Amino acid sequence: MVSREIPRNQWRQELDALSREREGWTVSVAVTESGNTRTEARDVPFYGVSVDDPRGDAIAVIVGHEPGDHVAHEVAHPVNVSIESDGHAERALRIRGDDGATTIVQFEAPPSQSER
């Protein structure tokens, strides 16, 4: 896997593009904090990820089957955003908060879509 850090001034643009390209893909969301990892969501459709305000003080990851059951995971005070690629497609999004916790969104292509 190759990791590409996204410059802060490009977070909104890059995350909006990632949301459009990966909407509906199956994802798992995990948070690693103080050496412990907990799963926030597993094998659910990806709805999107966005920078909540122009200062970039929070990033929201939204997943779920229907608009009424969407779950949002918010990373307050993000300091680093990167995308991991296998050389063909983006496979994971990593968001690190200023508290040291890292949120990892892992992507799997939907069954009806061929691999890129």
PDB file of N, CA and C in Angstrom:
ATOM      1  N   MET A   1       0.838  -1.184   0.000  1.00  0.00           N
ATOM      2  CA  MET A   1       0.000   0.000   0.000  1.00  0.00           C
ATOM      3  C   MET A   1       0.881   1.246   0.000  1.00  0.00           C
ATOM      4  N   VAL A   2       0.448   2.221  -0.759  1.00  0.00           N
ATOM      5  CA  VAL A   2       1.125   3.502  -0.834  1.00  0.00           C
ATOM      6  C   VAL A   2       0.227   4.534  -0.169  1.00  0.00           C
ATOM      7  N   SER A   3       0.800   5.351   0.692  1.00  0.00           N
ATOM      8  CA  SER A   3       0.028   6.373   1.397  1.00  0.00           C
ATOM      9  C   SER A   3       0.340   7.745   0.825  1.00  0.00           C
ATOM     10  N   ARG A   4      -0.730   8.524   0.585  1.00  0.00           N
ATOM     11  CA  ARG A   4      -0.578   9.885   0.062  1.00  0.00           C
ATOM     12  C   ARG A   4      -1.260  10.847   1.022  1.00  0.00           C
ATOM     13  N   GLU A   5      -0.456  11.739   1.625  1.00  0.00           N
ATOM     14  CA  GLU A   5      -1.018  12.737   2.535  1.00  0.00           C
ATOM     15  C   GLU A   5      -1.677  13.849   1.723  1.00  0.00           C
ATOM     16  N   ILE A   6      -2.845  14.267   2.183  1.00  0.00           N
ATOM     17  CA  ILE A   6      -3.574  15.350   1.518  1.00  0.00           C
ATOM     18  C   ILE A   6      -3.272  16.654   2.254  1.00  0.00           C
ATOM     19  N   PRO A   7      -2.767  17.661   1.556  1.00  0.00           N
ATOM     20  CA  PRO A   7      -2.523  18.954   2.207  1.00  0.00           C
ATOM     21  C   PRO A   7      -3.831  19.541   2.757  1.00  0.00           C
ATOM     22  N   ARG A   8      -3.755  20.168   3.896  1.00  0.00           N
ATOM     23  CA  ARG A   8      -4.935  20.700   4.587  1.00  0.00           C
ATOM     24  C   ARG A   8      -5.800  21.581   3.681  1.00  0.00           C
ATOM     25  N   ASN A   9      -5.183  22.408   2.847  1.00  0.00           N
ATOM     26  CA  ASN A   9      -5.965  23.315   1.996  1.00  0.00           C
ATOM     27  C   ASN A   9      -6.684  22.577   0.867  1.00  0.00           C
ATOM     28  N   GLN A  10      -6.458  21.267   0.738  1.00  0.00           N
ATOM     29  CA  GLN A  10      -7.136  20.462  -0.283  1.00  0.00           C
ATOM     30  C   GLN A  10      -8.095  19.427   0.312  1.00  0.00           C
ATOM     31  N   TRP A  11      -8.256  19.421   1.635  1.00  0.00           N
ATOM     32  CA  TRP A  11      -9.112  18.426   2.276  1.00  0.00           C
ATOM     33  C   TRP A  11     -10.521  18.427   1.691  1.00  0.00           C
ATOM     34  N   ARG A  12     -11.159  19.583   1.648  1.00  0.00           N
ATOM     35  CA  ARG A  12     -12.552  19.642   1.189  1.00  0.00           C
ATOM     36  C   ARG A  12     -12.674  19.097  -0.240  1.00  0.00           C
ATOM     37  N   GLN A  13     -11.843  19.563  -1.131  1.00  0.00           N
ATOM     38  CA  GLN A  13     -11.884  19.154  -2.537  1.00  0.00           C
ATOM     39  C   GLN A  13     -11.634  17.649  -2.679  1.00  0.00           C
ATOM     40  N   GLU A  14     -10.606  17.138  -2.033  1.00  0.00           N
ATOM     41  CA  GLU A  14     -10.249  15.717  -2.141  1.00  0.00           C
ATOM     42  C   GLU A  14     -11.310  14.816  -1.512  1.00  0.00           C
ATOM     43  N   LEU A  15     -11.832  15.213  -0.352  1.00  0.00           N
ATOM     44  CA  LEU A  15     -12.831  14.379   0.319  1.00  0.00           C
ATOM     45  C   LEU A  15     -14.160  14.403  -0.421  1.00  0.00           C
ATOM     46  N   ASP A  16     -14.508  15.542  -1.014  1.00  0.00           N
ATOM     47  CA  ASP A  16     -15.724  15.596  -1.839  1.00  0.00           C
ATOM     48  C   ASP A  16     -15.589  14.661  -3.044  1.00  0.00           C
ATOM     49  N   ALA A  17     -14.423  14.665  -3.679  1.00  0.00           N
ATOM     50  CA  ALA A  17     -14.195  13.790  -4.839  1.00  0.00           C
ATOM     51  C   ALA A  17     -14.238  12.319  -4.414  1.00  0.00           C
ATOM     52  N   LEU A  18     -13.609  11.995  -3.302  1.00  0.00           N
ATOM     53  CA  LEU A  18     -13.627  10.629  -2.799  1.00  0.00           C
ATOM     54  C   LEU A  18     -15.062  10.187  -2.496  1.00  0.00           C
ATOM     55  N   SER A  19     -15.855  11.073  -1.927  1.00  0.00           N
ATOM     56  CA  SER A  19     -17.258  10.760  -1.618  1.00  0.00           C
ATOM     57  C   SER A  19     -18.044  10.439  -2.881  1.00  0.00           C
ATOM     58  N   ARG A  20     -17.855  11.226  -3.916  1.00  0.00           N
ATOM     59  CA  ARG A  20     -18.566  10.986  -5.182  1.00  0.00           C
ATOM     60  C   ARG A  20     -18.146   9.658  -5.804  1.00  0.00           C
ATOM     61  N   GLU A  21     -16.844   9.380  -5.780  1.00  0.00           N
ATOM     62  CA  GLU A  21     -16.318   8.177  -6.417  1.00  0.00           C
ATOM     63  C   GLU A  21     -16.656   6.898  -5.657  1.00  0.00           C
ATOM     64  N   ARG A  22     -16.779   6.977  -4.345  1.00  0.00           N
ATOM     65  CA  ARG A  22     -16.939   5.772  -3.524  1.00  0.00           C
ATOM     66  C   ARG A  22     -18.327   5.636  -2.890  1.00  0.00           C
ATOM     67  N   GLU A  23     -19.251   6.533  -3.191  1.00  0.00           N
ATOM     68  CA  GLU A  23     -20.589   6.431  -2.604  1.00  0.00           C
ATOM     69  C   GLU A  23     -21.194   5.070  -2.938  1.00  0.00           C
ATOM     70  N   GLY A  24     -21.710   4.394  -1.914  1.00  0.00           N
ATOM     71  CA  GLY A  24     -22.320   3.088  -2.091  1.00  0.00           C
ATOM     72  C   GLY A  24     -21.365   1.914  -1.913  1.00  0.00           C
ATOM     73  N   TRP A  25     -20.067   2.178  -1.919  1.00  0.00           N
ATOM     74  CA  TRP A  25     -19.105   1.100  -1.697  1.00  0.00           C
ATOM     75  C   TRP A  25     -19.253   0.600  -0.256  1.00  0.00           C
ATOM     76  N   THR A  26     -18.905  -0.632  -0.032  1.00  0.00           N
ATOM     77  CA  THR A  26     -18.935  -1.202   1.307  1.00  0.00           C
ATOM     78  C   THR A  26     -17.691  -0.742   2.058  1.00  0.00           C
ATOM     79  N   VAL A  27     -17.896  -0.307   3.304  1.00  0.00           N
ATOM     80  CA  VAL A  27     -16.768   0.160   4.122  1.00  0.00           C
ATOM     81  C   VAL A  27     -16.844  -0.420   5.527  1.00  0.00           C
ATOM     82  N   SER A  28     -15.712  -0.365   6.178  1.00  0.00           N
ATOM     83  CA  SER A  28     -15.615  -0.601   7.612  1.00  0.00           C
ATOM     84  C   SER A  28     -14.911   0.613   8.184  1.00  0.00           C
ATOM     85  N   VAL A  29     -15.355   1.042   9.361  1.00  0.00           N
ATOM     86  CA  VAL A  29     -14.770   2.210  10.021  1.00  0.00           C
ATOM     87  C   VAL A  29     -14.242   1.760  11.383  1.00  0.00           C
ATOM     88  N   ALA A  30     -12.962   2.019  11.622  1.00  0.00           N
ATOM     89  CA  ALA A  30     -12.337   1.651  12.887  1.00  0.00           C
ATOM     90  C   ALA A  30     -11.584   2.850  13.435  1.00  0.00           C
ATOM     91  N   VAL A  31     -11.453   2.887  14.764  1.00  0.00           N
ATOM     92  CA  VAL A  31     -10.711   3.959  15.425  1.00  0.00           C
ATOM     93  C   VAL A  31      -9.636   3.325  16.295  1.00  0.00           C
ATOM     94  N   THR A  32      -8.397   3.770  16.089  1.00  0.00           N
ATOM     95  CA  THR A  32      -7.284   3.318  16.916  1.00  0.00           C
ATOM     96  C   THR A  32      -6.902   4.462  17.842  1.00  0.00           C
ATOM     97  N   GLU A  33      -6.905   4.145  19.137  1.00  0.00           N
ATOM     98  CA  GLU A  33      -6.639   5.159  20.153  1.00  0.00           C
ATOM     99  C   GLU A  33      -5.878   4.510  21.305  1.00  0.00           C
ATOM    100  N   SER A  34      -4.745   5.072  21.669  1.00  0.00           N
ATOM    101  CA  SER A  34      -3.912   4.552  22.749  1.00  0.00           C
ATOM    102  C   SER A  34      -3.606   3.069  22.581  1.00  0.00           C
ATOM    103  N   GLY A  35      -3.353   2.648  21.339  1.00  0.00           N
ATOM    104  CA  GLY A  35      -2.999   1.261  21.068  1.00  0.00           C
ATOM    105  C   GLY A  35      -4.172   0.304  20.962  1.00  0.00           C
ATOM    106  N   ASN A  36      -5.374   0.779  21.229  1.00  0.00           N
ATOM    107  CA  ASN A  36      -6.570  -0.063  21.136  1.00  0.00           C
ATOM    108  C   ASN A  36      -7.384   0.322  19.912  1.00  0.00           C
ATOM    109  N   THR A  37      -7.926  -0.696  19.228  1.00  0.00           N
ATOM    110  CA  THR A  37      -8.750  -0.444  18.046  1.00  0.00           C
ATOM    111  C   THR A  37     -10.173  -0.896  18.328  1.00  0.00           C
ATOM    112  N   ARG A  38     -11.123  -0.044  17.976  1.00  0.00           N
ATOM    113  CA  ARG A  38     -12.527  -0.411  18.104  1.00  0.00           C
ATOM    114  C   ARG A  38     -13.210  -0.188  16.758  1.00  0.00           C
ATOM    115  N   THR A  39     -14.126  -1.056  16.431  1.00  0.00           N
ATOM    116  CA  THR A  39     -14.863  -0.961  15.178  1.00  0.00           C
ATOM    117  C   THR A  39     -16.099  -0.105  15.395  1.00  0.00           C
ATOM    118  N   GLU A  40     -16.243   0.926  14.580  1.00  0.00           N
ATOM    119  CA  GLU A  40     -17.408   1.818  14.656  1.00  0.00           C
ATOM    120  C   GLU A  40     -18.519   1.335  13.722  1.00  0.00           C
ATOM    121  N   ALA A  41     -18.143   0.763  12.583  1.00  0.00           N
ATOM    122  CA  ALA A  41     -19.109   0.259  11.606  1.00  0.00           C
ATOM    123  C   ALA A  41     -18.409  -0.806  10.774  1.00  0.00           C
ATOM    124  N   ARG A  42     -19.175  -1.828  10.360  1.00  0.00           N
ATOM    125  CA  ARG A  42     -18.577  -2.903   9.571  1.00  0.00           C
ATOM    126  C   ARG A  42     -19.505  -3.285   8.428  1.00  0.00           C
ATOM    127  N   ASP A  43     -18.937  -3.347   7.230  1.00  0.00           N
ATOM    128  CA  ASP A  43     -19.659  -3.802   6.048  1.00  0.00           C
ATOM    129  C   ASP A  43     -20.961  -3.042   5.814  1.00  0.00           C
ATOM    130  N   VAL A  44     -20.857  -1.714   5.805  1.00  0.00           N
ATOM    131  CA  VAL A  44     -22.010  -0.855   5.536  1.00  0.00           C
ATOM    132  C   VAL A  44     -21.702   0.022   4.326  1.00  0.00           C
ATOM    133  N   PRO A  45     -22.737   0.519   3.655  1.00  0.00           N
ATOM    134  CA  PRO A  45     -22.497   1.400   2.505  1.00  0.00           C
ATOM    135  C   PRO A  45     -21.912   2.751   2.944  1.00  0.00           C
ATOM    136  N   PHE A  46     -20.986   3.223   2.157  1.00  0.00           N
ATOM    137  CA  PHE A  46     -20.364   4.530   2.360  1.00  0.00           C
ATOM    138  C   PHE A  46     -21.262   5.595   1.742  1.00  0.00           C
ATOM    139  N   TYR A  47     -21.579   6.604   2.525  1.00  0.00           N
ATOM    140  CA  TYR A  47     -22.382   7.719   2.029  1.00  0.00           C
ATOM    141  C   TYR A  47     -21.488   8.900   1.667  1.00  0.00           C
ATOM    142  N   GLY A  48     -20.505   9.205   2.521  1.00  0.00           N
ATOM    143  CA  GLY A  48     -19.606  10.310   2.212  1.00  0.00           C
ATOM    144  C   GLY A  48     -18.746  10.714   3.385  1.00  0.00           C
ATOM    145  N   VAL A  49     -17.836  11.632   3.107  1.00  0.00           N
ATOM    146  CA  VAL A  49     -16.967  12.201   4.125  1.00  0.00           C
ATOM    147  C   VAL A  49     -16.813  13.673   3.784  1.00  0.00           C
ATOM    148  N   SER A  50     -16.884  14.521   4.815  1.00  0.00           N
ATOM    149  CA  SER A  50     -16.809  15.949   4.515  1.00  0.00           C
ATOM    150  C   SER A  50     -16.144  16.723   5.635  1.00  0.00           C
ATOM    151  N   VAL A  51     -15.580  17.847   5.239  1.00  0.00           N
ATOM    152  CA  VAL A  51     -15.033  18.813   6.183  1.00  0.00           C
ATOM    153  C   VAL A  51     -16.215  19.679   6.605  1.00  0.00           C
ATOM    154  N   ASP A  52     -16.479  19.714   7.907  1.00  0.00           N
ATOM    155  CA  ASP A  52     -17.688  20.377   8.393  1.00  0.00           C
ATOM    156  C   ASP A  52     -17.673  21.889   8.302  1.00  0.00           C
ATOM    157  N   ASP A  53     -16.501  22.490   8.333  1.00  0.00           N
ATOM    158  CA  ASP A  53     -16.450  23.947   8.248  1.00  0.00           C
ATOM    159  C   ASP A  53     -15.177  24.380   7.534  1.00  0.00           C
ATOM    160  N   PRO A  54     -15.123  25.615   7.080  1.00  0.00           N
ATOM    161  CA  PRO A  54     -13.960  26.078   6.298  1.00  0.00           C
ATOM    162  C   PRO A  54     -12.621  25.980   7.033  1.00  0.00           C
ATOM    163  N   ARG A  55     -12.631  26.032   8.357  1.00  0.00           N
ATOM    164  CA  ARG A  55     -11.372  25.952   9.119  1.00  0.00           C
ATOM    165  C   ARG A  55     -10.869  24.518   9.222  1.00  0.00           C
ATOM    166  N   GLY A  56     -11.716  23.557   8.884  1.00  0.00           N
ATOM    167  CA  GLY A  56     -11.307  22.158   8.970  1.00  0.00           C
ATOM    168  C   GLY A  56     -11.218  21.661  10.393  1.00  0.00           C
ATOM    169  N   ASP A  57     -12.078  22.191  11.292  1.00  0.00           N
ATOM    170  CA  ASP A  57     -12.045  21.789  12.699  1.00  0.00           C
ATOM    171  C   ASP A  57     -12.700  20.444  12.968  1.00  0.00           C
ATOM    172  N   ALA A  58     -13.392  19.885  11.968  1.00  0.00           N
ATOM    173  CA  ALA A  58     -14.007  18.568  12.131  1.00  0.00           C
ATOM    174  C   ALA A  58     -14.212  17.937  10.752  1.00  0.00           C
ATOM    175  N   ILE A  59     -14.097  16.623  10.723  1.00  0.00           N
ATOM    176  CA  ILE A  59     -14.381  15.857   9.512  1.00  0.00           C
ATOM    177  C   ILE A  59     -15.394  14.790   9.903  1.00  0.00           C
ATOM    178  N   ALA A  60     -16.458  14.668   9.111  1.00  0.00           N
ATOM    179  CA  ALA A  60     -17.502  13.682   9.385  1.00  0.00           C
ATOM    180  C   ALA A  60     -17.460  12.577   8.342  1.00  0.00           C
ATOM    181  N   VAL A  61     -17.487  11.333   8.815  1.00  0.00           N
ATOM    182  CA  VAL A  61     -17.595  10.158   7.959  1.00  0.00           C
ATOM    183  C   VAL A  61     -19.012   9.638   8.135  1.00  0.00           C
ATOM    184  N   ILE A  62     -19.759   9.516   7.029  1.00  0.00           N
ATOM    185  CA  ILE A  62     -21.159   9.129   7.101  1.00  0.00           C
ATOM    186  C   ILE A  62     -21.357   7.806   6.368  1.00  0.00           C
ATOM    187  N   VAL A  63     -21.951   6.842   7.068  1.00  0.00           N
ATOM    188  CA  VAL A  63     -22.201   5.510   6.517  1.00  0.00           C
ATOM    189  C   VAL A  63     -23.619   5.085   6.864  1.00  0.00           C
ATOM    190  N   GLY A  64     -24.127   4.108   6.149  1.00  0.00           N
ATOM    191  CA  GLY A  64     -25.443   3.561   6.466  1.00  0.00           C
ATOM    192  C   GLY A  64     -26.203   3.174   5.219  1.00  0.00           C
ATOM    193  N   HIS A  65     -27.278   2.419   5.421  1.00  0.00           N
ATOM    194  CA  HIS A  65     -28.062   1.893   4.313  1.00  0.00           C
ATOM    195  C   HIS A  65     -29.045   2.899   3.738  1.00  0.00           C
ATOM    196  N   GLU A  66     -29.748   3.610   4.583  1.00  0.00           N
ATOM    197  CA  GLU A  66     -30.774   4.558   4.159  1.00  0.00           C
ATOM    198  C   GLU A  66     -30.538   5.891   4.855  1.00  0.00           C
ATOM    199  N   PRO A  67     -30.991   7.007   4.257  1.00  0.00           N
ATOM    200  CA  PRO A  67     -30.794   8.307   4.908  1.00  0.00           C
ATOM    201  C   PRO A  67     -31.278   8.349   6.363  1.00  0.00           C
ATOM    202  N   GLY A  68     -32.339   7.627   6.681  1.00  0.00           N
ATOM    203  CA  GLY A  68     -32.858   7.630   8.044  1.00  0.00           C
ATOM    204  C   GLY A  68     -32.007   6.878   9.038  1.00  0.00           C
ATOM    205  N   ASP A  69     -31.137   5.998   8.576  1.00  0.00           N
ATOM    206  CA  ASP A  69     -30.298   5.230   9.505  1.00  0.00           C
ATOM    207  C   ASP A  69     -28.811   5.512   9.339  1.00  0.00           C
ATOM    208  N   HIS A  70     -28.467   6.622   8.692  1.00  0.00           N
ATOM    209  CA  HIS A  70     -27.051   6.969   8.548  1.00  0.00           C
ATOM    210  C   HIS A  70     -26.418   7.172   9.916  1.00  0.00           C
ATOM    211  N   VAL A  71     -25.177   6.756  10.004  1.00  0.00           N
ATOM    212  CA  VAL A  71     -24.378   6.956  11.205  1.00  0.00           C
ATOM    213  C   VAL A  71     -23.227   7.868  10.825  1.00  0.00           C
ATOM    214  N   ALA A  72     -23.005   8.895  11.620  1.00  0.00           N
ATOM    215  CA  ALA A  72     -21.898   9.817  11.363  1.00  0.00           C
ATOM    216  C   ALA A  72     -20.842   9.639  12.450  1.00  0.00           C
ATOM    217  N   HIS A  73     -19.612   9.499  12.015  1.00  0.00           N
ATOM    218  CA  HIS A  73     -18.483   9.458  12.940  1.00  0.00           C
ATOM    219  C   HIS A  73     -17.706  10.747  12.719  1.00  0.00           C
ATOM    220  N   GLU A  74     -17.557  11.535  13.755  1.00  0.00           N
ATOM    221  CA  GLU A  74     -16.867  12.815  13.622  1.00  0.00           C
ATOM    222  C   GLU A  74     -15.483  12.752  14.229  1.00  0.00           C
ATOM    223  N   VAL A  75     -14.520  13.287  13.484  1.00  0.00           N
ATOM    224  CA  VAL A  75     -13.160  13.446  13.979  1.00  0.00           C
ATOM    225  C   VAL A  75     -12.976  14.934  14.258  1.00  0.00           C
ATOM    226  N   ALA A  76     -12.905  15.280  15.543  1.00  0.00           N
ATOM    227  CA  ALA A  76     -12.713  16.677  15.932  1.00  0.00           C
ATOM    228  C   ALA A  76     -11.232  17.033  15.837  1.00  0.00           C
ATOM    229  N   HIS A  77     -10.957  18.217  15.380  1.00  0.00           N
ATOM    230  CA  HIS A  77      -9.596  18.752  15.310  1.00  0.00           C
ATOM    231  C   HIS A  77      -8.634  17.826  14.564  1.00  0.00           C
ATOM    232  N   PRO A  78      -8.959  17.481  13.306  1.00  0.00           N
ATOM    233  CA  PRO A  78      -8.056  16.630  12.533  1.00  0.00           C
ATOM    234  C   PRO A  78      -6.745  17.357  12.227  1.00  0.00           C
ATOM    235  N   VAL A  79      -5.656  16.603  12.224  1.00  0.00           N
ATOM    236  CA  VAL A  79      -4.352  17.187  11.923  1.00  0.00           C
ATOM    237  C   VAL A  79      -3.706  16.553  10.699  1.00  0.00           C
ATOM    238  N   ASN A  80      -4.220  15.379  10.277  1.00  0.00           N
ATOM    239  CA  ASN A  80      -3.635  14.686   9.141  1.00  0.00           C
ATOM    240  C   ASN A  80      -4.702  13.864   8.447  1.00  0.00           C
ATOM    241  N   VAL A  81      -4.731  13.949   7.121  1.00  0.00           N
ATOM    242  CA  VAL A  81      -5.630  13.136   6.299  1.00  0.00           C
ATOM    243  C   VAL A  81      -4.787  12.509   5.204  1.00  0.00           C
ATOM    244  N   SER A  82      -4.912  11.196   5.047  1.00  0.00           N
ATOM    245  CA  SER A  82      -4.168  10.520   3.994  1.00  0.00           C
ATOM    246  C   SER A  82      -5.032   9.433   3.368  1.00  0.00           C
ATOM    247  N   ILE A  83      -4.672   9.080   2.137  1.00  0.00           N
ATOM    248  CA  ILE A  83      -5.364   8.036   1.391  1.00  0.00           C
ATOM    249  C   ILE A  83      -4.352   6.955   1.063  1.00  0.00           C
ATOM    250  N   GLU A  84      -4.728   5.704   1.326  1.00  0.00           N
ATOM    251  CA  GLU A  84      -3.873   4.565   0.999  1.00  0.00           C
ATOM    252  C   GLU A  84      -4.383   3.928  -0.280  1.00  0.00           C
ATOM    253  N   SER A  85      -3.471   3.617  -1.163  1.00  0.00           N
ATOM    254  CA  SER A  85      -3.805   3.049  -2.458  1.00  0.00           C
ATOM    255  C   SER A  85      -3.009   1.774  -2.673  1.00  0.00           C
ATOM    256  N   ASP A  86      -3.599   0.850  -3.433  1.00  0.00           N
ATOM    257  CA  ASP A  86      -2.878  -0.374  -3.778  1.00  0.00           C
ATOM    258  C   ASP A  86      -2.222  -0.257  -5.151  1.00  0.00           C
ATOM    259  N   GLY A  87      -2.181   0.950  -5.696  1.00  0.00           N
ATOM    260  CA  GLY A  87      -1.613   1.172  -7.014  1.00  0.00           C
ATOM    261  C   GLY A  87      -2.673   1.261  -8.098  1.00  0.00           C
ATOM    262  N   HIS A  88      -3.870   0.723  -7.813  1.00  0.00           N
ATOM    263  CA  HIS A  88      -4.968   0.753  -8.776  1.00  0.00           C
ATOM    264  C   HIS A  88      -6.115   1.625  -8.293  1.00  0.00           C
ATOM    265  N   ALA A  89      -6.388   1.614  -6.997  1.00  0.00           N
ATOM    266  CA  ALA A  89      -7.522   2.361  -6.453  1.00  0.00           C
ATOM    267  C   ALA A  89      -7.269   2.698  -4.993  1.00  0.00           C
ATOM    268  N   GLU A  90      -7.979   3.713  -4.512  1.00  0.00           N
ATOM    269  CA  GLU A  90      -7.905   4.058  -3.099  1.00  0.00           C
ATOM    270  C   GLU A  90      -8.574   2.951  -2.302  1.00  0.00           C
ATOM    271  N   ARG A  91      -7.918   2.471  -1.274  1.00  0.00           N
ATOM    272  CA  ARG A  91      -8.440   1.376  -0.456  1.00  0.00           C
ATOM    273  C   ARG A  91      -8.761   1.791   0.969  1.00  0.00           C
ATOM    274  N   ALA A  92      -8.155   2.898   1.438  1.00  0.00           N
ATOM    275  CA  ALA A  92      -8.410   3.322   2.814  1.00  0.00           C
ATOM    276  C   ALA A  92      -8.192   4.826   2.952  1.00  0.00           C
ATOM    277  N   LEU A  93      -8.959   5.394   3.855  1.00  0.00           N
ATOM    278  CA  LEU A  93      -8.826   6.805   4.233  1.00  0.00           C
ATOM    279  C   LEU A  93      -8.431   6.818   5.699  1.00  0.00           C
ATOM    280  N   ARG A  94      -7.394   7.570   6.040  1.00  0.00           N
ATOM    281  CA  ARG A  94      -6.945   7.700   7.434  1.00  0.00           C
ATOM    282  C   ARG A  94      -7.061   9.164   7.846  1.00  0.00           C
ATOM    283  N   ILE A  95      -7.678   9.376   9.002  1.00  0.00           N
ATOM    284  CA  ILE A  95      -7.836  10.725   9.546  1.00  0.00           C
ATOM    285  C   ILE A  95      -7.316  10.694  10.981  1.00  0.00           C
ATOM    286  N   ARG A  96      -6.290  11.472  11.259  1.00  0.00           N
ATOM    287  CA  ARG A  96      -5.731  11.524  12.616  1.00  0.00           C
ATOM    288  C   ARG A  96      -6.140  12.821  13.290  1.00  0.00           C
ATOM    289  N   GLY A  97      -6.680  12.702  14.501  1.00  0.00           N
ATOM    290  CA  GLY A  97      -7.071  13.866  15.278  1.00  0.00           C
ATOM    291  C   GLY A  97      -5.930  14.361  16.136  1.00  0.00           C
ATOM    292  N   ASP A  98      -6.085  15.565  16.676  1.00  0.00           N
ATOM    293  CA  ASP A  98      -5.012  16.122  17.506  1.00  0.00           C
ATOM    294  C   ASP A  98      -4.849  15.385  18.827  1.00  0.00           C
ATOM    295  N   ASP A  99      -5.799  14.521  19.169  1.00  0.00           N
ATOM    296  CA  ASP A  99      -5.682  13.709  20.383  1.00  0.00           C
ATOM    297  C   ASP A  99      -4.903  12.415  20.139  1.00  0.00           C
ATOM    298  N   GLY A 100      -4.461  12.200  18.882  1.00  0.00           N
ATOM    299  CA  GLY A 100      -3.683  11.013  18.538  1.00  0.00           C
ATOM    300  C   GLY A 100      -4.518   9.862  18.011  1.00  0.00           C
ATOM    301  N   ALA A 101      -5.833   9.929  18.157  1.00  0.00           N
ATOM    302  CA  ALA A 101      -6.699   8.862  17.639  1.00  0.00           C
ATOM    303  C   ALA A 101      -6.718   8.910  16.108  1.00  0.00           C
ATOM    304  N   THR A 102      -6.746   7.732  15.487  1.00  0.00           N
ATOM    305  CA  THR A 102      -6.785   7.640  14.031  1.00  0.00           C
ATOM    306  C   THR A 102      -8.026   6.874  13.614  1.00  0.00           C
ATOM    307  N   THR A 103      -8.811   7.493  12.725  1.00  0.00           N
ATOM    308  CA  THR A 103      -9.989   6.854  12.150  1.00  0.00           C
ATOM    309  C   THR A 103      -9.585   6.293  10.794  1.00  0.00           C
ATOM    310  N   ILE A 104      -9.915   5.024  10.557  1.00  0.00           N
ATOM    311  CA  ILE A 104      -9.565   4.357   9.306  1.00  0.00           C
ATOM    312  C   ILE A 104     -10.850   3.882   8.637  1.00  0.00           C
ATOM    313  N   VAL A 105     -11.061   4.338   7.406  1.00  0.00           N
ATOM    314  CA  VAL A 105     -12.198   3.912   6.601  1.00  0.00           C
ATOM    315  C   VAL A 105     -11.633   3.010   5.513  1.00  0.00           C
ATOM    316  N   GLN A 106     -11.983   1.723   5.532  1.00  0.00           N
ATOM    317  CA  GLN A 106     -11.496   0.781   4.529  1.00  0.00           C
ATOM    318  C   GLN A 106     -12.593   0.522   3.507  1.00  0.00           C
ATOM    319  N   PHE A 107     -12.236   0.624   2.220  1.00  0.00           N
ATOM    320  CA  PHE A 107     -13.186   0.488   1.116  1.00  0.00           C
ATOM    321  C   PHE A 107     -13.096  -0.872   0.445  1.00  0.00           C
ATOM    322  N   GLU A 108     -14.262  -1.413   0.086  1.00  0.00           N
ATOM    323  CA  GLU A 108     -14.360  -2.595  -0.770  1.00  0.00           C
ATOM    324  C   GLU A 108     -15.309  -2.237  -1.894  1.00  0.00           C
ATOM    325  N   ALA A 109     -14.947  -2.599  -3.122  1.00  0.00           N
ATOM    326  CA  ALA A 109     -15.806  -2.296  -4.271  1.00  0.00           C
ATOM    327  C   ALA A 109     -17.134  -3.026  -4.134  1.00  0.00           C
ATOM    328  N   PRO A 110     -18.230  -2.380  -4.551  1.00  0.00           N
ATOM    329  CA  PRO A 110     -19.516  -3.077  -4.531  1.00  0.00           C
ATOM    330  C   PRO A 110     -19.464  -4.286  -5.478  1.00  0.00           C
ATOM    331  N   PRO A 111     -20.196  -5.362  -5.162  1.00  0.00           N
ATOM    332  CA  PRO A 111     -20.143  -6.568  -5.985  1.00  0.00           C
ATOM    333  C   PRO A 111     -20.457  -6.308  -7.463  1.00  0.00           C
ATOM    334  N   SER A 112     -21.307  -5.356  -7.736  1.00  0.00           N
ATOM    335  CA  SER A 112     -21.696  -5.091  -9.136  1.00  0.00           C
ATOM    336  C   SER A 112     -20.679  -4.250  -9.898  1.00  0.00           C
ATOM    337  N   GLN A 113     -19.654  -3.770  -9.211  1.00  0.00           N
ATOM    338  CA  GLN A 113     -18.671  -2.890  -9.858  1.00  0.00           C
ATOM    339  C   GLN A 113     -17.352  -3.617  -9.998  1.00  0.00           C
ATOM    340  N   SER A 114     -16.777  -3.563 -11.159  1.00  0.00           N
ATOM    341  CA  SER A 114     -15.482  -4.209 -11.366  1.00  0.00           C
ATOM    342  C   SER A 114     -14.395  -3.413 -10.684  1.00  0.00           C
ATOM    343  N   GLU A 115     -13.332  -4.088 -10.336  1.00  0.00           N
ATOM    344  CA  GLU A 115     -12.187  -3.423  -9.728  1.00  0.00           C
ATOM    345  C   GLU A 115     -11.547  -2.472 -10.719  1.00  0.00           C
ATOM    346  N   ARG A 116     -11.028  -1.367 -10.216  1.00  0.00           N
ATOM    347  CA  ARG A 116     -10.362  -0.394 -11.083  1.00  0.00           C
ATOM    348  C   ARG A 116      -8.915  -0.741 -11.235  1.00  0.00           C
TER     349      ARG A 116
END
